[in-house]
Amino acid sequence: MDQQKLDRAIGRRLKTLRTQAGMTLNELAGRSGVSRAMIGRVERAQSSATAALLNRLCAALDGTLSDVVALAEKPPERLMRLADQPHWRDPDSGYRRRHASPPDAASGIEIIVVDLPAGARVSYSPWGRNAFTQQLLMLEGAVCVHIDAKSVRLRDGDCLDFDVMRAVTFENETRQDARYVIITRRGTSSYGKM
């Protein structure tokens, strides 16, 4: 790969990591000590980044220089066919999830389709670092989302926006399977209340 192509690939990869972290150019500049203008030039491939500069940016993004350079050579996937979408089933609850979005999507957004069987309950501990926000869009059935001590019951078409800084439990209290979509954008949690 020639230098110009590599600069473009590194710029795209840095912008993707910044977007996934939910950071503006100003926020990344503040965390890294690199000027907003320089970050913009690197992301647009108008300037070749030095190893020292990339190291400062990577540290602020909780990544490594080798991650950025190695991953820059492989452009993000834009299409994920249904047949290629990975499925996972929890052996305890029967909870099923399908990763619909391409891995490492340029948008920084992840889309998961979930089937929660009747009577099933799935709990998650709070995230302490690199937290993110989610939206849950109900497609079929009903589910109760418990966030700490608060509970919200969702039915077809309802959409809930929440973060993962607190314990979250998804519970299907009905006798019918539920299906919903979880949309995640990493690094954007600044919520204090649901």
C-alpha atoms as a PDB file:
ATOM      1  CA  MET A   1       0.000   0.000   0.000  1.00  0.00           C
ATOM      2  CA  ASP A   2       1.491   3.358  -0.983  1.00  0.00           C
ATOM      3  CA  GLN A   3       1.828   6.166   1.584  1.00  0.00           C
ATOM      4  CA  GLN A   4      -1.140   8.178   0.305  1.00  0.00           C
ATOM      5  CA  LYS A   5      -3.476   5.174   0.478  1.00  0.00           C
ATOM      6  CA  LEU A   6      -2.144   4.283   3.911  1.00  0.00           C
ATOM      7  CA  ASP A   7      -2.680   7.866   5.127  1.00  0.00           C
ATOM      8  CA  ARG A   8      -6.300   7.720   3.894  1.00  0.00           C
ATOM      9  CA  ALA A   9      -6.852   4.340   5.551  1.00  0.00           C
ATOM     10  CA  ILE A  10      -5.338   5.512   8.859  1.00  0.00           C
ATOM     11  CA  GLY A  11      -7.421   8.684   8.726  1.00  0.00           C
ATOM     12  CA  ARG A  12     -10.617   6.678   8.167  1.00  0.00           C
ATOM     13  CA  ARG A  13      -9.707   4.268  10.969  1.00  0.00           C
ATOM     14  CA  LEU A  14      -8.976   7.076  13.445  1.00  0.00           C
ATOM     15  CA  LYS A  15     -12.262   8.788  12.569  1.00  0.00           C
ATOM     16  CA  THR A  16     -14.103   5.499  13.035  1.00  0.00           C
ATOM     17  CA  LEU A  17     -12.495   4.946  16.445  1.00  0.00           C
ATOM     18  CA  ARG A  18     -13.277   8.523  17.488  1.00  0.00           C
ATOM     19  CA  THR A  19     -16.889   8.165  16.335  1.00  0.00           C
ATOM     20  CA  GLN A  20     -17.255   4.825  18.114  1.00  0.00           C
ATOM     21  CA  ALA A  21     -15.906   6.457  21.264  1.00  0.00           C
ATOM     22  CA  GLY A  22     -18.522   9.192  20.888  1.00  0.00           C
ATOM     23  CA  MET A  23     -15.871  11.918  20.859  1.00  0.00           C
ATOM     24  CA  THR A  24     -15.900  15.183  18.972  1.00  0.00           C
ATOM     25  CA  LEU A  25     -12.684  16.533  17.498  1.00  0.00           C
ATOM     26  CA  ASN A  26     -12.495  18.975  20.424  1.00  0.00           C
ATOM     27  CA  GLU A  27     -12.880  16.168  22.984  1.00  0.00           C
ATOM     28  CA  LEU A  28     -10.171  14.065  21.362  1.00  0.00           C
ATOM     29  CA  ALA A  29      -7.907  17.113  21.156  1.00  0.00           C
ATOM     30  CA  GLY A  30      -8.403  17.741  24.869  1.00  0.00           C
ATOM     31  CA  ARG A  31      -7.670  14.132  25.840  1.00  0.00           C
ATOM     32  CA  SER A  32      -4.686  13.671  23.522  1.00  0.00           C
ATOM     33  CA  GLY A  33      -2.987  17.074  23.583  1.00  0.00           C
ATOM     34  CA  VAL A  34      -3.070  17.099  19.759  1.00  0.00           C
ATOM     35  CA  SER A  35      -4.688  20.145  18.160  1.00  0.00           C
ATOM     36  CA  ARG A  36      -8.174  19.834  16.675  1.00  0.00           C
ATOM     37  CA  ALA A  37      -6.819  21.111  13.344  1.00  0.00           C
ATOM     38  CA  MET A  38      -4.086  18.446  13.225  1.00  0.00           C
ATOM     39  CA  ILE A  39      -6.561  15.655  14.058  1.00  0.00           C
ATOM     40  CA  GLY A  40      -8.834  16.911  11.272  1.00  0.00           C
ATOM     41  CA  ARG A  41      -5.926  16.939   8.795  1.00  0.00           C
ATOM     42  CA  VAL A  42      -4.933  13.378   9.743  1.00  0.00           C
ATOM     43  CA  GLU A  43      -8.522  12.128   9.463  1.00  0.00           C
ATOM     44  CA  ARG A  44      -8.819  13.742   6.011  1.00  0.00           C
ATOM     45  CA  ALA A  45      -5.359  12.386   5.003  1.00  0.00           C
ATOM     46  CA  GLN A  46      -4.118  15.927   4.404  1.00  0.00           C
ATOM     47  CA  SER A  47      -1.164  15.235   6.691  1.00  0.00           C
ATOM     48  CA  SER A  48       0.870  12.104   7.403  1.00  0.00           C
ATOM     49  CA  ALA A  49       0.772  11.316  11.104  1.00  0.00           C
ATOM     50  CA  THR A  50       3.985  10.528  12.936  1.00  0.00           C
ATOM     51  CA  ALA A  51       4.219   7.521  15.244  1.00  0.00           C
ATOM     52  CA  ALA A  52       4.368   9.868  18.251  1.00  0.00           C
ATOM     53  CA  LEU A  53       1.230  11.716  17.155  1.00  0.00           C
ATOM     54  CA  LEU A  54      -0.626   8.471  16.401  1.00  0.00           C
ATOM     55  CA  ASN A  55       0.457   7.078  19.764  1.00  0.00           C
ATOM     56  CA  ARG A  56      -1.042  10.104  21.575  1.00  0.00           C
ATOM     57  CA  LEU A  57      -4.295   9.767  19.613  1.00  0.00           C
ATOM     58  CA  CYS A  58      -4.460   6.007  20.173  1.00  0.00           C
ATOM     59  CA  ALA A  59      -3.872   6.384  23.913  1.00  0.00           C
ATOM     60  CA  ALA A  60      -6.712   8.908  24.122  1.00  0.00           C
ATOM     61  CA  LEU A  61      -8.944   6.433  22.221  1.00  0.00           C
ATOM     62  CA  ASP A  62      -7.916   3.454  24.417  1.00  0.00           C
ATOM     63  CA  GLY A  63      -6.290   1.765  21.416  1.00  0.00           C
ATOM     64  CA  THR A  64      -2.813   0.933  20.187  1.00  0.00           C
ATOM     65  CA  LEU A  65      -0.771   2.125  17.267  1.00  0.00           C
ATOM     66  CA  SER A  66      -0.638  -1.382  15.807  1.00  0.00           C
ATOM     67  CA  ASP A  67      -4.446  -1.616  16.008  1.00  0.00           C
ATOM     68  CA  VAL A  68      -4.836   1.523  13.929  1.00  0.00           C
ATOM     69  CA  VAL A  69      -2.191   0.687  11.352  1.00  0.00           C
ATOM     70  CA  ALA A  70      -3.162  -2.979  10.971  1.00  0.00           C
ATOM     71  CA  LEU A  71      -6.879  -2.290  10.832  1.00  0.00           C
ATOM     72  CA  ALA A  72      -6.441   0.681   8.526  1.00  0.00           C
ATOM     73  CA  GLU A  73      -5.438  -1.633   5.715  1.00  0.00           C
ATOM     74  CA  LYS A  74      -8.800  -3.417   5.841  1.00  0.00           C
ATOM     75  CA  PRO A  75     -11.743  -1.144   5.027  1.00  0.00           C
ATOM     76  CA  PRO A  76     -14.879  -1.622   7.139  1.00  0.00           C
ATOM     77  CA  GLU A  77     -17.535  -3.895   5.706  1.00  0.00           C
ATOM     78  CA  ARG A  78     -20.637  -2.148   4.415  1.00  0.00           C
ATOM     79  CA  LEU A  79     -22.892  -5.166   3.835  1.00  0.00           C
ATOM     80  CA  MET A  80     -23.776  -8.058   6.114  1.00  0.00           C
ATOM     81  CA  ARG A  81     -25.985 -10.636   4.447  1.00  0.00           C
ATOM     82  CA  LEU A  82     -28.535 -12.399   6.654  1.00  0.00           C
ATOM     83  CA  ALA A  83     -26.837 -15.742   6.014  1.00  0.00           C
ATOM     84  CA  ASP A  84     -23.518 -14.310   7.270  1.00  0.00           C
ATOM     85  CA  GLN A  85     -24.845 -12.679  10.442  1.00  0.00           C
ATOM     86  CA  PRO A  86     -23.559 -14.478  13.531  1.00  0.00           C
ATOM     87  CA  HIS A  87     -26.151 -15.959  15.884  1.00  0.00           C
ATOM     88  CA  TRP A  88     -25.699 -16.792  19.542  1.00  0.00           C
ATOM     89  CA  ARG A  89     -28.012 -18.609  21.955  1.00  0.00           C
ATOM     90  CA  ASP A  90     -27.695 -18.476  25.737  1.00  0.00           C
ATOM     91  CA  PRO A  91     -27.918 -22.092  26.928  1.00  0.00           C
ATOM     92  CA  ASP A  92     -29.470 -21.062  30.269  1.00  0.00           C
ATOM     93  CA  SER A  93     -32.287 -18.712  29.229  1.00  0.00           C
ATOM     94  CA  GLY A  94     -32.751 -19.576  25.550  1.00  0.00           C
ATOM     95  CA  TYR A  95     -32.104 -15.908  24.759  1.00  0.00           C
ATOM     96  CA  ARG A  96     -31.040 -15.575  21.099  1.00  0.00           C
ATOM     97  CA  ARG A  97     -29.192 -12.690  19.498  1.00  0.00           C
ATOM     98  CA  ARG A  98     -28.224 -12.011  15.903  1.00  0.00           C
ATOM     99  CA  HIS A  99     -25.558  -9.441  15.025  1.00  0.00           C
ATOM    100  CA  ALA A 100     -27.187  -7.735  12.036  1.00  0.00           C
ATOM    101  CA  SER A 101     -24.678  -4.947  11.457  1.00  0.00           C
ATOM    102  CA  PRO A 102     -21.307  -5.436   9.793  1.00  0.00           C
ATOM    103  CA  PRO A 103     -18.389  -5.765  12.222  1.00  0.00           C
ATOM    104  CA  ASP A 104     -16.447  -2.536  12.683  1.00  0.00           C
ATOM    105  CA  ALA A 105     -19.083  -0.546  10.770  1.00  0.00           C
ATOM    106  CA  ALA A 106     -17.857   2.932   9.830  1.00  0.00           C
ATOM    107  CA  SER A 107     -20.882   4.469  11.564  1.00  0.00           C
ATOM    108  CA  GLY A 108     -19.816   3.127  14.961  1.00  0.00           C
ATOM    109  CA  ILE A 109     -23.308   1.690  15.378  1.00  0.00           C
ATOM    110  CA  GLU A 110     -24.072  -1.932  16.209  1.00  0.00           C
ATOM    111  CA  ILE A 111     -27.492  -3.492  15.559  1.00  0.00           C
ATOM    112  CA  ILE A 112     -28.529  -6.655  17.397  1.00  0.00           C
ATOM    113  CA  VAL A 113     -31.813  -8.532  16.876  1.00  0.00           C
ATOM    114  CA  VAL A 114     -32.941 -10.323  20.040  1.00  0.00           C
ATOM    115  CA  ASP A 115     -35.483 -13.091  20.617  1.00  0.00           C
ATOM    116  CA  LEU A 116     -36.366 -13.398  24.307  1.00  0.00           C
ATOM    117  CA  PRO A 117     -38.446 -16.505  25.072  1.00  0.00           C
ATOM    118  CA  ALA A 118     -41.546 -16.365  27.251  1.00  0.00           C
ATOM    119  CA  GLY A 119     -40.577 -16.198  30.927  1.00  0.00           C
ATOM    120  CA  ALA A 120     -36.873 -15.598  30.184  1.00  0.00           C
ATOM    121  CA  ARG A 121     -34.740 -13.090  32.102  1.00  0.00           C
ATOM    122  CA  VAL A 122     -31.267 -11.845  31.128  1.00  0.00           C
ATOM    123  CA  SER A 123     -29.225  -9.587  33.436  1.00  0.00           C
ATOM    124  CA  TYR A 124     -26.138  -7.464  32.790  1.00  0.00           C
ATOM    125  CA  SER A 125     -23.798  -5.828  35.313  1.00  0.00           C
ATOM    126  CA  PRO A 126     -23.041  -2.113  34.972  1.00  0.00           C
ATOM    127  CA  TRP A 127     -20.097  -1.093  32.793  1.00  0.00           C
ATOM    128  CA  GLY A 128     -17.367   0.815  34.568  1.00  0.00           C
ATOM    129  CA  ARG A 129     -15.238   1.847  31.580  1.00  0.00           C
ATOM    130  CA  ASN A 130     -15.943   2.491  27.896  1.00  0.00           C
ATOM    131  CA  ALA A 131     -19.667   2.542  28.588  1.00  0.00           C
ATOM    132  CA  PHE A 132     -22.157   3.101  25.816  1.00  0.00           C
ATOM    133  CA  THR A 133     -25.760   3.983  25.143  1.00  0.00           C
ATOM    134  CA  GLN A 134     -28.416   1.803  23.594  1.00  0.00           C
ATOM    135  CA  GLN A 135     -31.877   2.058  22.163  1.00  0.00           C
ATOM    136  CA  LEU A 136     -34.310  -0.833  22.328  1.00  0.00           C
ATOM    137  CA  LEU A 137     -37.049  -0.973  19.676  1.00  0.00           C
ATOM    138  CA  MET A 138     -39.788  -3.540  20.339  1.00  0.00           C
ATOM    139  CA  LEU A 139     -40.834  -5.487  17.250  1.00  0.00           C
ATOM    140  CA  GLU A 140     -43.123  -8.190  18.706  1.00  0.00           C
ATOM    141  CA  GLY A 141     -44.441  -9.103  22.128  1.00  0.00           C
ATOM    142  CA  ALA A 142     -43.568  -7.319  25.358  1.00  0.00           C
ATOM    143  CA  VAL A 143     -40.542  -7.009  27.592  1.00  0.00           C
ATOM    144  CA  CYS A 144     -39.814  -5.356  30.931  1.00  0.00           C
ATOM    145  CA  VAL A 145     -36.482  -3.549  31.208  1.00  0.00           C
ATOM    146  CA  HIS A 146     -35.191  -3.124  34.772  1.00  0.00           C
ATOM    147  CA  ILE A 147     -32.525  -0.429  35.154  1.00  0.00           C
ATOM    148  CA  ASP A 148     -31.408  -0.422  38.773  1.00  0.00           C
ATOM    149  CA  ALA A 149     -34.652  -0.101  40.760  1.00  0.00           C
ATOM    150  CA  LYS A 150     -36.747   1.349  37.911  1.00  0.00           C
ATOM    151  CA  SER A 151     -38.775  -0.824  35.521  1.00  0.00           C
ATOM    152  CA  VAL A 152     -40.203   0.046  32.109  1.00  0.00           C
ATOM    153  CA  ARG A 153     -42.632  -2.211  30.243  1.00  0.00           C
ATOM    154  CA  LEU A 154     -42.370  -2.060  26.459  1.00  0.00           C
ATOM    155  CA  ARG A 155     -44.796  -3.296  23.802  1.00  0.00           C
ATOM    156  CA  ASP A 156     -44.794  -3.395  19.973  1.00  0.00           C
ATOM    157  CA  GLY A 157     -43.346  -0.194  18.526  1.00  0.00           C
ATOM    158  CA  ASP A 158     -42.084   1.252  21.838  1.00  0.00           C
ATOM    159  CA  CYS A 159     -38.517   2.549  21.901  1.00  0.00           C
ATOM    160  CA  LEU A 160     -36.365   3.042  25.015  1.00  0.00           C
ATOM    161  CA  ASP A 161     -33.085   4.994  25.152  1.00  0.00           C
ATOM    162  CA  PHE A 162     -30.762   3.996  28.022  1.00  0.00           C
ATOM    163  CA  ASP A 163     -27.128   3.568  29.017  1.00  0.00           C
ATOM    164  CA  VAL A 164     -25.232   0.682  30.614  1.00  0.00           C
ATOM    165  CA  MET A 165     -23.695   2.550  33.550  1.00  0.00           C
ATOM    166  CA  ARG A 166     -26.191   0.771  35.807  1.00  0.00           C
ATOM    167  CA  ALA A 167     -27.323  -2.854  36.054  1.00  0.00           C
ATOM    168  CA  VAL A 168     -29.812  -3.736  33.292  1.00  0.00           C
ATOM    169  CA  THR A 169     -32.166  -6.734  33.162  1.00  0.00           C
ATOM    170  CA  PHE A 170     -34.389  -7.710  30.236  1.00  0.00           C
ATOM    171  CA  GLU A 171     -37.382  -9.816  31.281  1.00  0.00           C
ATOM    172  CA  ASN A 172     -40.183 -11.364  29.269  1.00  0.00           C
ATOM    173  CA  GLU A 173     -42.990 -11.667  31.832  1.00  0.00           C
ATOM    174  CA  THR A 174     -45.480 -12.944  29.243  1.00  0.00           C
ATOM    175  CA  ARG A 175     -46.317 -16.353  27.746  1.00  0.00           C
ATOM    176  CA  GLN A 176     -45.341 -15.176  24.254  1.00  0.00           C
ATOM    177  CA  ASP A 177     -41.831 -14.836  22.825  1.00  0.00           C
ATOM    178  CA  ALA A 178     -40.602 -11.262  22.383  1.00  0.00           C
ATOM    179  CA  ARG A 179     -38.461  -9.820  19.604  1.00  0.00           C
ATOM    180  CA  TYR A 180     -36.660  -6.512  19.728  1.00  0.00           C
ATOM    181  CA  VAL A 181     -33.751  -4.645  18.199  1.00  0.00           C
ATOM    182  CA  ILE A 182     -30.888  -3.199  20.243  1.00  0.00           C
ATOM    183  CA  ILE A 183     -29.024  -0.320  18.613  1.00  0.00           C
ATOM    184  CA  THR A 184     -25.718   0.538  20.262  1.00  0.00           C
ATOM    185  CA  ARG A 185     -23.346   3.408  19.800  1.00  0.00           C
ATOM    186  CA  ARG A 186     -20.195   3.014  21.813  1.00  0.00           C
ATOM    187  CA  GLY A 187     -18.657   5.698  24.000  1.00  0.00           C
ATOM    188  CA  THR A 188     -21.664   8.013  24.229  1.00  0.00           C
ATOM    189  CA  SER A 189     -22.836   7.445  27.786  1.00  0.00           C
ATOM    190  CA  SER A 190     -23.269  10.621  29.788  1.00  0.00           C
ATOM    191  CA  TYR A 191     -26.616   9.791  31.301  1.00  0.00           C
ATOM    192  CA  GLY A 192     -27.458  10.143  34.938  1.00  0.00           C
ATOM    193  CA  LYS A 193     -31.136   9.167  34.843  1.00  0.00           C
ATOM    194  CA  MET A 194     -33.290   6.917  32.704  1.00  0.00           C
END
